[in-house]
PDB file of all heavy atoms in Angstrom:
ATOM      1  N   PHE A   1      -0.049  -4.687  -0.377  1.00  0.00           N
ATOM      2  CA  PHE A   1      -1.298  -4.124  -0.889  1.00  0.00           C
ATOM      3  C   PHE A   1      -1.278  -2.599  -0.786  1.00  0.00           C
ATOM      4  O   PHE A   1      -1.677  -1.895  -1.714  1.00  0.00           O
ATOM      5  CB  PHE A   1      -2.491  -4.675  -0.084  1.00  0.00           C
ATOM      6  CG  PHE A   1      -3.117  -5.911  -0.676  1.00  0.00           C
ATOM      7  CD1 PHE A   1      -2.549  -7.157  -0.456  1.00  0.00           C
ATOM      8  CD2 PHE A   1      -4.267  -5.834  -1.445  1.00  0.00           C
ATOM      9  CE1 PHE A   1      -3.118  -8.305  -0.984  1.00  0.00           C
ATOM     10  CE2 PHE A   1      -4.846  -6.970  -1.983  1.00  0.00           C
ATOM     11  CZ  PHE A   1      -4.279  -8.222  -1.760  1.00  0.00           C
ATOM     12  N   ALA A   2      -0.801  -2.077   0.357  1.00  0.00           N
ATOM     13  CA  ALA A   2      -0.787  -0.625   0.573  1.00  0.00           C
ATOM     14  C   ALA A   2       0.150   0.072  -0.405  1.00  0.00           C
ATOM     15  O   ALA A   2      -0.205   1.102  -0.994  1.00  0.00           O
ATOM     16  CB  ALA A   2      -0.377  -0.324   2.010  1.00  0.00           C
ATOM     17  N   VAL A   3       1.341  -0.469  -0.593  1.00  0.00           N
ATOM     18  CA  VAL A   3       2.315   0.161  -1.497  1.00  0.00           C
ATOM     19  C   VAL A   3       1.838   0.075  -2.938  1.00  0.00           C
ATOM     20  O   VAL A   3       2.012   1.016  -3.722  1.00  0.00           O
ATOM     21  CB  VAL A   3       3.709  -0.463  -1.306  1.00  0.00           C
ATOM     22  CG1 VAL A   3       4.691   0.082  -2.336  1.00  0.00           C
ATOM     23  CG2 VAL A   3       4.227  -0.191   0.106  1.00  0.00           C
ATOM     24  N   ARG A   4       1.201  -1.023  -3.308  1.00  0.00           N
ATOM     25  CA  ARG A   4       0.594  -1.130  -4.646  1.00  0.00           C
ATOM     26  C   ARG A   4      -0.432  -0.026  -4.859  1.00  0.00           C
ATOM     27  O   ARG A   4      -0.505   0.581  -5.939  1.00  0.00           O
ATOM     28  CB  ARG A   4      -0.095  -2.479  -4.825  1.00  0.00           C
ATOM     29  CG  ARG A   4       0.754  -3.608  -5.358  1.00  0.00           C
ATOM     30  CD  ARG A   4      -0.087  -4.842  -5.641  1.00  0.00           C
ATOM     31  NE  ARG A   4      -1.269  -4.510  -6.390  1.00  0.00           N
ATOM     32  CZ  ARG A   4      -2.532  -4.577  -5.909  1.00  0.00           C
ATOM     33  NH1 ARG A   4      -2.755  -4.968  -4.671  1.00  0.00           N
ATOM     34  NH2 ARG A   4      -3.539  -4.247  -6.674  1.00  0.00           N
ATOM     35  N   ALA A   5      -1.246   0.234  -3.830  1.00  0.00           N
ATOM     36  CA  ALA A   5      -2.263   1.282  -3.938  1.00  0.00           C
ATOM     37  C   ALA A   5      -1.610   2.641  -4.164  1.00  0.00           C
ATOM     38  O   ALA A   5      -2.087   3.451  -4.977  1.00  0.00           O
ATOM     39  CB  ALA A   5      -3.122   1.300  -2.672  1.00  0.00           C
ATOM     40  N   ILE A   6      -0.505   2.902  -3.463  1.00  0.00           N
ATOM     41  CA  ILE A   6       0.204   4.178  -3.614  1.00  0.00           C
ATOM     42  C   ILE A   6       0.822   4.287  -5.011  1.00  0.00           C
ATOM     43  O   ILE A   6       0.776   5.351  -5.648  1.00  0.00           O
ATOM     44  CB  ILE A   6       1.274   4.314  -2.515  1.00  0.00           C
ATOM     45  CG1 ILE A   6       0.594   4.486  -1.152  1.00  0.00           C
ATOM     46  CG2 ILE A   6       2.218   5.487  -2.792  1.00  0.00           C
ATOM     47  CD1 ILE A   6       1.511   4.362   0.033  1.00  0.00           C
ATOM     48  N   ILE A   7       1.387   3.198  -5.499  1.00  0.00           N
ATOM     49  CA  ILE A   7       1.962   3.200  -6.846  1.00  0.00           C
ATOM     50  C   ILE A   7       0.882   3.510  -7.886  1.00  0.00           C
ATOM     51  O   ILE A   7       1.097   4.294  -8.818  1.00  0.00           O
ATOM     52  CB  ILE A   7       2.647   1.855  -7.145  1.00  0.00           C
ATOM     53  CG1 ILE A   7       3.894   1.690  -6.258  1.00  0.00           C
ATOM     54  CG2 ILE A   7       3.039   1.752  -8.624  1.00  0.00           C
ATOM     55  CD1 ILE A   7       4.506   0.306  -6.318  1.00  0.00           C
ATOM     56  N   LYS A   8      -0.301   2.916  -7.721  1.00  0.00           N
ATOM     57  CA  LYS A   8      -1.384   3.119  -8.678  1.00  0.00           C
ATOM     58  C   LYS A   8      -1.946   4.540  -8.600  1.00  0.00           C
ATOM     59  O   LYS A   8      -2.164   5.194  -9.622  1.00  0.00           O
ATOM     60  CB  LYS A   8      -2.517   2.111  -8.420  1.00  0.00           C
ATOM     61  CG  LYS A   8      -2.212   0.688  -8.833  1.00  0.00           C
ATOM     62  CD  LYS A   8      -3.314  -0.267  -8.423  1.00  0.00           C
ATOM     63  CE  LYS A   8      -4.574  -0.061  -9.217  1.00  0.00           C
ATOM     64  NZ  LYS A   8      -4.444  -0.577 -10.606  1.00  0.00           N
ATOM     65  N   CYS A   9      -2.170   5.018  -7.387  1.00  0.00           N
ATOM     66  CA  CYS A   9      -2.901   6.274  -7.212  1.00  0.00           C
ATOM     67  C   CYS A   9      -2.021   7.521  -7.207  1.00  0.00           C
ATOM     68  O   CYS A   9      -2.469   8.599  -7.612  1.00  0.00           O
ATOM     69  CB  CYS A   9      -3.690   6.224  -5.896  1.00  0.00           C
ATOM     70  SG  CYS A   9      -4.947   4.929  -5.821  1.00  0.00           S
ATOM     71  N   ILE A  10      -0.779   7.389  -6.726  1.00  0.00           N
ATOM     72  CA  ILE A  10       0.107   8.551  -6.582  1.00  0.00           C
ATOM     73  C   ILE A  10       1.235   8.541  -7.616  1.00  0.00           C
ATOM     74  O   ILE A  10       1.620   9.591  -8.132  1.00  0.00           O
ATOM     75  CB  ILE A  10       0.718   8.610  -5.161  1.00  0.00           C
ATOM     76  CG1 ILE A  10      -0.378   8.577  -4.093  1.00  0.00           C
ATOM     77  CG2 ILE A  10       1.615   9.829  -5.010  1.00  0.00           C
ATOM     78  CD1 ILE A  10      -1.239   9.797  -4.037  1.00  0.00           C
ATOM     79  N   CYS A  11       1.767   7.362  -7.903  1.00  0.00           N
ATOM     80  CA  CYS A  11       2.956   7.261  -8.766  1.00  0.00           C
ATOM     81  C   CYS A  11       2.627   7.018 -10.232  1.00  0.00           C
ATOM     82  O   CYS A  11       3.543   6.798 -11.032  1.00  0.00           O
ATOM     83  CB  CYS A  11       3.864   6.136  -8.264  1.00  0.00           C
ATOM     84  SG  CYS A  11       4.447   6.352  -6.578  1.00  0.00           S
ATOM     85  N   GLY A  12       1.346   7.049 -10.598  1.00  0.00           N
ATOM     86  CA  GLY A  12       0.973   6.828 -11.992  1.00  0.00           C
ATOM     87  C   GLY A  12       1.376   5.466 -12.506  1.00  0.00           C
ATOM     88  O   GLY A  12       1.617   5.288 -13.714  1.00  0.00           O
ATOM     89  N   GLY A  13       1.494   4.485 -11.606  1.00  0.00           N
ATOM     90  CA  GLY A  13       1.868   3.127 -11.994  1.00  0.00           C
ATOM     91  C   GLY A  13       3.360   2.889 -12.100  1.00  0.00           C
ATOM     92  O   GLY A  13       3.784   1.782 -12.447  1.00  0.00           O
ATOM     93  N   ASP A  14       4.179   3.894 -11.769  1.00  0.00           N
ATOM     94  CA  ASP A  14       5.634   3.761 -11.887  1.00  0.00           C
ATOM     95  C   ASP A  14       6.231   3.383 -10.529  1.00  0.00           C
ATOM     96  O   ASP A  14       6.424   4.234  -9.653  1.00  0.00           O
ATOM     97  CB  ASP A  14       6.241   5.077 -12.386  1.00  0.00           C
ATOM     98  CG  ASP A  14       7.750   4.983 -12.599  1.00  0.00           C
ATOM     99  OD1 ASP A  14       8.334   3.913 -12.335  1.00  0.00           O
ATOM    100  OD2 ASP A  14       8.345   5.994 -13.022  1.00  0.00           O
ATOM    101  N   GLN A  15       6.546   2.103 -10.357  1.00  0.00           N
ATOM    102  CA  GLN A  15       7.075   1.612  -9.080  1.00  0.00           C
ATOM    103  C   GLN A  15       8.465   2.152  -8.779  1.00  0.00           C
ATOM    104  O   GLN A  15       8.897   2.161  -7.618  1.00  0.00           O
ATOM    105  CB  GLN A  15       7.102   0.073  -9.064  1.00  0.00           C
ATOM    106  CG  GLN A  15       8.215  -0.571  -9.876  1.00  0.00           C
ATOM    107  CD  GLN A  15       7.947  -0.602 -11.380  1.00  0.00           C
ATOM    108  OE1 GLN A  15       6.920  -0.117 -11.844  1.00  0.00           O
ATOM    109  NE2 GLN A  15       8.872  -1.196 -12.122  1.00  0.00           N
ATOM    110  N   ASN A  16       9.164   2.639  -9.782  1.00  0.00           N
ATOM    111  CA  ASN A  16      10.528   3.151  -9.573  1.00  0.00           C
ATOM    112  C   ASN A  16      10.558   4.545  -8.952  1.00  0.00           C
ATOM    113  O   ASN A  16      11.638   5.079  -8.682  1.00  0.00           O
ATOM    114  CB  ASN A  16      11.293   3.144 -10.895  1.00  0.00           C
ATOM    115  CG  ASN A  16      11.538   1.730 -11.400  1.00  0.00           C
ATOM    116  OD1 ASN A  16      11.713   0.802 -10.609  1.00  0.00           O
ATOM    117  ND2 ASN A  16      11.535   1.552 -12.713  1.00  0.00           N
ATOM    118  N   LYS A  17       9.381   5.124  -8.702  1.00  0.00           N
ATOM    119  CA  LYS A  17       9.335   6.393  -7.986  1.00  0.00           C
ATOM    120  C   LYS A  17       9.490   6.197  -6.473  1.00  0.00           C
ATOM    121  O   LYS A  17       9.696   7.159  -5.729  1.00  0.00           O
ATOM    122  CB  LYS A  17       8.014   7.121  -8.272  1.00  0.00           C
ATOM    123  CG  LYS A  17       7.900   7.716  -9.674  1.00  0.00           C
ATOM    124  CD  LYS A  17       6.658   8.581  -9.770  1.00  0.00           C
ATOM    125  CE  LYS A  17       6.600   9.348 -11.086  1.00  0.00           C
ATOM    126  NZ  LYS A  17       6.289   8.488 -12.223  1.00  0.00           N
ATOM    127  N   ILE A  18       9.397   4.962  -6.016  1.00  0.00           N
ATOM    128  CA  ILE A  18       9.477   4.682  -4.579  1.00  0.00           C
ATOM    129  C   ILE A  18      10.927   4.747  -4.106  1.00  0.00           C
ATOM    130  O   ILE A  18      11.808   4.072  -4.646  1.00  0.00           O
ATOM    131  CB  ILE A  18       8.903   3.289  -4.253  1.00  0.00           C
ATOM    132  CG1 ILE A  18       7.446   3.184  -4.725  1.00  0.00           C
ATOM    133  CG2 ILE A  18       9.031   2.993  -2.770  1.00  0.00           C
ATOM    134  CD1 ILE A  18       6.482   4.034  -3.969  1.00  0.00           C
ATOM    135  N   LYS A  19      11.162   5.559  -3.078  1.00  0.00           N
ATOM    136  CA  LYS A  19      12.501   5.711  -2.505  1.00  0.00           C
ATOM    137  C   LYS A  19      12.638   4.952  -1.186  1.00  0.00           C
ATOM    138  O   LYS A  19      13.632   4.260  -0.950  1.00  0.00           O
ATOM    139  CB  LYS A  19      12.791   7.204  -2.290  1.00  0.00           C
ATOM    140  CG  LYS A  19      14.162   7.500  -1.708  1.00  0.00           C
ATOM    141  CD  LYS A  19      14.357   9.009  -1.542  1.00  0.00           C
ATOM    142  CE  LYS A  19      15.722   9.341  -0.959  1.00  0.00           C
ATOM    143  NZ  LYS A  19      15.888  10.818  -0.775  1.00  0.00           N
ATOM    144  N   SER A  20      11.655   5.093  -0.312  1.00  0.00           N
ATOM    145  CA  SER A  20      11.676   4.365   0.957  1.00  0.00           C
ATOM    146  C   SER A  20      10.253   4.126   1.431  1.00  0.00           C
ATOM    147  O   SER A  20       9.317   4.832   1.033  1.00  0.00           O
ATOM    148  CB  SER A  20      12.476   5.120   2.020  1.00  0.00           C
ATOM    149  OG  SER A  20      11.833   6.323   2.368  1.00  0.00           O
ATOM    150  N   ILE A  21      10.109   3.118   2.291  1.00  0.00           N
ATOM    151  CA  ILE A  21       8.792   2.687   2.766  1.00  0.00           C
ATOM    152  C   ILE A  21       8.887   2.405   4.256  1.00  0.00           C
ATOM    153  O   ILE A  21       9.831   1.750   4.705  1.00  0.00           O
ATOM    154  CB  ILE A  21       8.341   1.394   2.044  1.00  0.00           C
ATOM    155  CG1 ILE A  21       8.275   1.588   0.529  1.00  0.00           C
ATOM    156  CG2 ILE A  21       6.997   0.900   2.599  1.00  0.00           C
ATOM    157  CD1 ILE A  21       8.252   0.281  -0.252  1.00  0.00           C
ATOM    158  N   SER A  22       7.925   2.884   5.008  1.00  0.00           N
ATOM    159  CA  SER A  22       7.830   2.496   6.415  1.00  0.00           C
ATOM    160  C   SER A  22       6.423   2.005   6.696  1.00  0.00           C
ATOM    161  O   SER A  22       5.450   2.514   6.112  1.00  0.00           O
ATOM    162  CB  SER A  22       8.183   3.651   7.350  1.00  0.00           C
ATOM    163  OG  SER A  22       7.193   4.659   7.310  1.00  0.00           O
ATOM    164  N   GLY A  23       6.319   1.025   7.560  1.00  0.00           N
ATOM    165  CA  GLY A  23       5.008   0.503   7.911  1.00  0.00           C
ATOM    166  C   GLY A  23       4.984   0.028   9.345  1.00  0.00           C
ATOM    167  O   GLY A  23       5.945  -0.594   9.816  1.00  0.00           O
ATOM    168  N   ARG A  24       3.916   0.350  10.038  1.00  0.00           N
ATOM    169  CA  ARG A  24       3.715  -0.131  11.410  1.00  0.00           C
ATOM    170  C   ARG A  24       2.462  -0.997  11.420  1.00  0.00           C
ATOM    171  O   ARG A  24       1.382  -0.547  11.024  1.00  0.00           O
ATOM    172  CB  ARG A  24       3.555   1.049  12.376  1.00  0.00           C
ATOM    173  CG  ARG A  24       3.213   0.626  13.806  1.00  0.00           C
ATOM    174  CD  ARG A  24       3.093   1.847  14.703  1.00  0.00           C
ATOM    175  NE  ARG A  24       4.414   2.425  14.969  1.00  0.00           N
ATOM    176  CZ  ARG A  24       4.594   3.630  15.511  1.00  0.00           C
ATOM    177  NH1 ARG A  24       3.548   4.381  15.791  1.00  0.00           N
ATOM    178  NH2 ARG A  24       5.819   4.067  15.751  1.00  0.00           N
ATOM    179  N   PHE A  25       2.623  -2.236  11.864  1.00  0.00           N
ATOM    180  CA  PHE A  25       1.511  -3.173  11.873  1.00  0.00           C
ATOM    181  C   PHE A  25       0.710  -2.990  13.158  1.00  0.00           C
ATOM    182  O   PHE A  25       1.217  -3.200  14.258  1.00  0.00           O
ATOM    183  CB  PHE A  25       2.040  -4.605  11.739  1.00  0.00           C
ATOM    184  CG  PHE A  25       2.903  -4.789  10.517  1.00  0.00           C
ATOM    185  CD1 PHE A  25       4.283  -4.890  10.633  1.00  0.00           C
ATOM    186  CD2 PHE A  25       2.345  -4.810   9.253  1.00  0.00           C
ATOM    187  CE1 PHE A  25       5.084  -5.037   9.517  1.00  0.00           C
ATOM    188  CE2 PHE A  25       3.142  -4.948   8.122  1.00  0.00           C
ATOM    189  CZ  PHE A  25       4.512  -5.064   8.251  1.00  0.00           C
ATOM    190  N   LEU A  26      -0.541  -2.588  13.010  1.00  0.00           N
ATOM    191  CA  LEU A  26      -1.375  -2.207  14.145  1.00  0.00           C
ATOM    192  C   LEU A  26      -2.329  -3.310  14.581  1.00  0.00           C
ATOM    193  O   LEU A  26      -2.648  -3.433  15.763  1.00  0.00           O
ATOM    194  CB  LEU A  26      -2.184  -0.952  13.788  1.00  0.00           C
ATOM    195  CG  LEU A  26      -1.393   0.248  13.283  1.00  0.00           C
ATOM    196  CD1 LEU A  26      -2.342   1.350  12.826  1.00  0.00           C
ATOM    197  CD2 LEU A  26      -0.453   0.762  14.373  1.00  0.00           C
ATOM    198  N   LEU A  27      -2.803  -4.092  13.630  1.00  0.00           N
ATOM    199  CA  LEU A  27      -3.812  -5.105  13.918  1.00  0.00           C
ATOM    200  C   LEU A  27      -3.795  -6.143  12.802  1.00  0.00           C
ATOM    201  O   LEU A  27      -3.403  -5.848  11.671  1.00  0.00           O
ATOM    202  CB  LEU A  27      -5.196  -4.446  14.015  1.00  0.00           C
ATOM    203  CG  LEU A  27      -6.350  -5.275  14.585  1.00  0.00           C
ATOM    204  CD1 LEU A  27      -6.112  -5.565  16.078  1.00  0.00           C
ATOM    205  CD2 LEU A  27      -7.673  -4.518  14.418  1.00  0.00           C
ATOM    206  N   HIS A  28      -4.231  -7.341  13.126  1.00  0.00           N
ATOM    207  CA  HIS A  28      -4.246  -8.426  12.151  1.00  0.00           C
ATOM    208  C   HIS A  28      -5.325  -8.200  11.083  1.00  0.00           C
ATOM    209  O   HIS A  28      -6.292  -7.466  11.287  1.00  0.00           O
ATOM    210  CB  HIS A  28      -4.501  -9.764  12.850  1.00  0.00           C
ATOM    211  CG  HIS A  28      -5.801  -9.817  13.587  1.00  0.00           C
ATOM    212  ND1 HIS A  28      -5.969  -9.267  14.841  1.00  0.00           N
ATOM    213  CD2 HIS A  28      -7.009 -10.323  13.243  1.00  0.00           C
ATOM    214  CE1 HIS A  28      -7.208  -9.452  15.243  1.00  0.00           C
ATOM    215  NE2 HIS A  28      -7.876 -10.087  14.280  1.00  0.00           N
ATOM    216  N   VAL A  29      -5.134  -8.869   9.946  1.00  0.00           N
ATOM    217  CA  VAL A  29      -6.108  -8.893   8.856  1.00  0.00           C
ATOM    218  C   VAL A  29      -6.461 -10.346   8.591  1.00  0.00           C
ATOM    219  O   VAL A  29      -5.580 -11.213   8.554  1.00  0.00           O
ATOM    220  CB  VAL A  29      -5.531  -8.261   7.567  1.00  0.00           C
ATOM    221  CG1 VAL A  29      -6.511  -8.410   6.403  1.00  0.00           C
ATOM    222  CG2 VAL A  29      -5.172  -6.801   7.793  1.00  0.00           C
ATOM    223  N   TYR A  30      -7.744 -10.619   8.424  1.00  0.00           N
ATOM    224  CA  TYR A  30      -8.169 -11.961   8.050  1.00  0.00           C
ATOM    225  C   TYR A  30      -8.313 -12.026   6.527  1.00  0.00           C
ATOM    226  O   TYR A  30      -8.892 -11.112   5.916  1.00  0.00           O
ATOM    227  CB  TYR A  30      -9.508 -12.320   8.696  1.00  0.00           C
ATOM    228  CG  TYR A  30      -9.426 -12.574  10.186  1.00  0.00           C
ATOM    229  CD1 TYR A  30     -10.087 -11.756  11.093  1.00  0.00           C
ATOM    230  CD2 TYR A  30      -8.689 -13.651  10.687  1.00  0.00           C
ATOM    231  CE1 TYR A  30     -10.016 -11.993  12.459  1.00  0.00           C
ATOM    232  CE2 TYR A  30      -8.608 -13.895  12.056  1.00  0.00           C
ATOM    233  CZ  TYR A  30      -9.272 -13.061  12.936  1.00  0.00           C
ATOM    234  OH  TYR A  30      -9.195 -13.298  14.286  1.00  0.00           O
ATOM    235  N   PRO A  31      -7.784 -13.070   5.894  1.00  0.00           N
ATOM    236  CA  PRO A  31      -7.968 -13.210   4.444  1.00  0.00           C
ATOM    237  C   PRO A  31      -9.454 -13.149   4.080  1.00  0.00           C
ATOM    238  O   PRO A  31     -10.297 -13.744   4.754  1.00  0.00           O
ATOM    239  CB  PRO A  31      -7.381 -14.600   4.163  1.00  0.00           C
ATOM    240  CG  PRO A  31      -6.368 -14.802   5.242  1.00  0.00           C
ATOM    241  CD  PRO A  31      -6.972 -14.160   6.464  1.00  0.00           C
ATOM    242  N   GLY A  32      -9.740 -12.403   3.029  1.00  0.00           N
ATOM    243  CA  GLY A  32     -11.121 -12.203   2.609  1.00  0.00           C
ATOM    244  C   GLY A  32     -11.674 -10.854   3.001  1.00  0.00           C
ATOM    245  O   GLY A  32     -12.705 -10.416   2.475  1.00  0.00           O
ATOM    246  N   GLU A  33     -10.977 -10.146   3.918  1.00  0.00           N
ATOM    247  CA  GLU A  33     -11.441  -8.826   4.319  1.00  0.00           C
ATOM    248  C   GLU A  33     -11.056  -7.776   3.282  1.00  0.00           C
ATOM    249  O   GLU A  33     -10.155  -7.984   2.467  1.00  0.00           O
ATOM    250  CB  GLU A  33     -10.866  -8.452   5.694  1.00  0.00           C
ATOM    251  CG  GLU A  33     -11.452  -9.290   6.828  1.00  0.00           C
ATOM    252  CD  GLU A  33     -11.014  -8.830   8.203  1.00  0.00           C
ATOM    253  OE1 GLU A  33      -9.800  -8.605   8.393  1.00  0.00           O
ATOM    254  OE2 GLU A  33     -11.878  -8.705   9.080  1.00  0.00           O
ATOM    255  N   THR A  34     -11.735  -6.636   3.341  1.00  0.00           N
ATOM    256  CA  THR A  34     -11.524  -5.547   2.395  1.00  0.00           C
ATOM    257  C   THR A  34     -10.592  -4.506   3.000  1.00  0.00           C
ATOM    258  O   THR A  34     -10.804  -4.050   4.130  1.00  0.00           O
ATOM    259  CB  THR A  34     -12.866  -4.879   2.036  1.00  0.00           C
ATOM    260  OG1 THR A  34     -13.772  -5.884   1.547  1.00  0.00           O
ATOM    261  CG2 THR A  34     -12.672  -3.813   0.973  1.00  0.00           C
ATOM    262  N   LEU A  35      -9.557  -4.137   2.246  1.00  0.00           N
ATOM    263  CA  LEU A  35      -8.584  -3.144   2.699  1.00  0.00           C
ATOM    264  C   LEU A  35      -8.865  -1.803   2.038  1.00  0.00           C
ATOM    265  O   LEU A  35      -9.004  -1.724   0.812  1.00  0.00           O
ATOM    266  CB  LEU A  35      -7.158  -3.603   2.368  1.00  0.00           C
ATOM    267  CG  LEU A  35      -6.712  -4.927   2.989  1.00  0.00           C
ATOM    268  CD1 LEU A  35      -5.281  -5.255   2.554  1.00  0.00           C
ATOM    269  CD2 LEU A  35      -6.807  -4.889   4.507  1.00  0.00           C
ATOM    270  N   ILE A  36      -8.939  -0.772   2.861  1.00  0.00           N
ATOM    271  CA  ILE A  36      -9.115   0.592   2.362  1.00  0.00           C
ATOM    272  C   ILE A  36      -7.835   1.369   2.683  1.00  0.00           C
ATOM    273  O   ILE A  36      -7.500   1.561   3.856  1.00  0.00           O
ATOM    274  CB  ILE A  36     -10.324   1.287   3.014  1.00  0.00           C
ATOM    275  CG1 ILE A  36     -11.609   0.516   2.702  1.00  0.00           C
ATOM    276  CG2 ILE A  36     -10.438   2.729   2.523  1.00  0.00           C
ATOM    277  CD1 ILE A  36     -12.838   1.066   3.427  1.00  0.00           C
ATOM    278  N   THR A  37      -7.102   1.774   1.645  1.00  0.00           N
ATOM    279  CA  THR A  37      -5.863   2.526   1.831  1.00  0.00           C
ATOM    280  C   THR A  37      -6.134   4.004   1.594  1.00  0.00           C
ATOM    281  O   THR A  37      -6.543   4.413   0.510  1.00  0.00           O
ATOM    282  CB  THR A  37      -4.766   2.042   0.870  1.00  0.00           C
ATOM    283  OG1 THR A  37      -4.541   0.638   1.071  1.00  0.00           O
ATOM    284  CG2 THR A  37      -3.460   2.790   1.114  1.00  0.00           C
ATOM    285  N   GLU A  38      -5.931   4.795   2.654  1.00  0.00           N
ATOM    286  CA  GLU A  38      -6.102   6.248   2.580  1.00  0.00           C
ATOM    287  C   GLU A  38      -4.725   6.885   2.459  1.00  0.00           C
ATOM    288  O   GLU A  38      -3.792   6.495   3.170  1.00  0.00           O
ATOM    289  CB  GLU A  38      -6.814   6.765   3.831  1.00  0.00           C
ATOM    290  CG  GLU A  38      -8.199   6.161   4.036  1.00  0.00           C
ATOM    291  CD  GLU A  38      -8.802   6.530   5.381  1.00  0.00           C
ATOM    292  OE1 GLU A  38      -8.026   6.652   6.369  1.00  0.00           O
ATOM    293  OE2 GLU A  38     -10.027   6.695   5.442  1.00  0.00           O
TER     294      GLU A  38
END
C-alpha cells in the first residue's frame, strides 16, 4: 500500500522509477483500518 502511494504521488504512476525499497514494520494493522502514507 505504501509503495503504491509513492508511485501514485511521487512517480507519476510509473512503477519503473523505483530502484530500492526499505520498510520497518512498527505495529500491526487490522483489516478495515485506514492507512495514511506521509
